[in-house]
């Protein structure tokens, strides 16, 4: 793991509880603020879920699962096997703590660095939401996602050339956490090359959801 990745890992470990609160009604005003001004958190998960369900998926790998909110969302919508992995131990502790009792046979979590993680298991769909923001070299990450998926992969990227990019860049500089942004063309270039069918979904000023269909 390089120094840049260690900074990202450290940031998410120490701020795990803060990130988890974005999804919950810890205060009514804060919850609705997030629904309005951080709506991409919810929209990208909804779009990824639509993709998963459209593929008739039975298994999903949730890369960078954080506190497990999206893993639970997928399982609550009928996915029989969801594995969430994250390299921030603080996130995994929250995910395991908050896993609903009725999903304990369907959802599991592992603390792992995705690029060095080894598994013999394959999954119908592999998703990574809010992860490519922090990757200086996204291609190896995407290639590993594809290698573990039989039907499709889906991942979100933050958009470039807007006010949100400036605000996030300044804010994260103080947190010592690097960020990387994408134009639509940059995402197109990343998705093109191996003949797979791809789709780009717009999630407003927050960026895009990239989807690769691997079986066509």
Foldseek 3Di string as FASTA:
>chain_A
DDPQVVLQLVLCQVCLVVVVVCCDPPDVVSVVCCCPVVVLVVVQLVVVLVVCVVLVWQEEEEEQCFLPPSVLVNVVVPRQAYEYEEQRVNRQVNNVVPPDPVCPNHYYYDNDDQLPDDDPAATQEYEYEPPLQQDPDCQSVVVSRLVRHDFKYKYWFFADDDPVVVVVCVVVVVSSHHTDHDHPVRVVVSQDDDPWDKDWAAPPNRGIMIMTTDPD
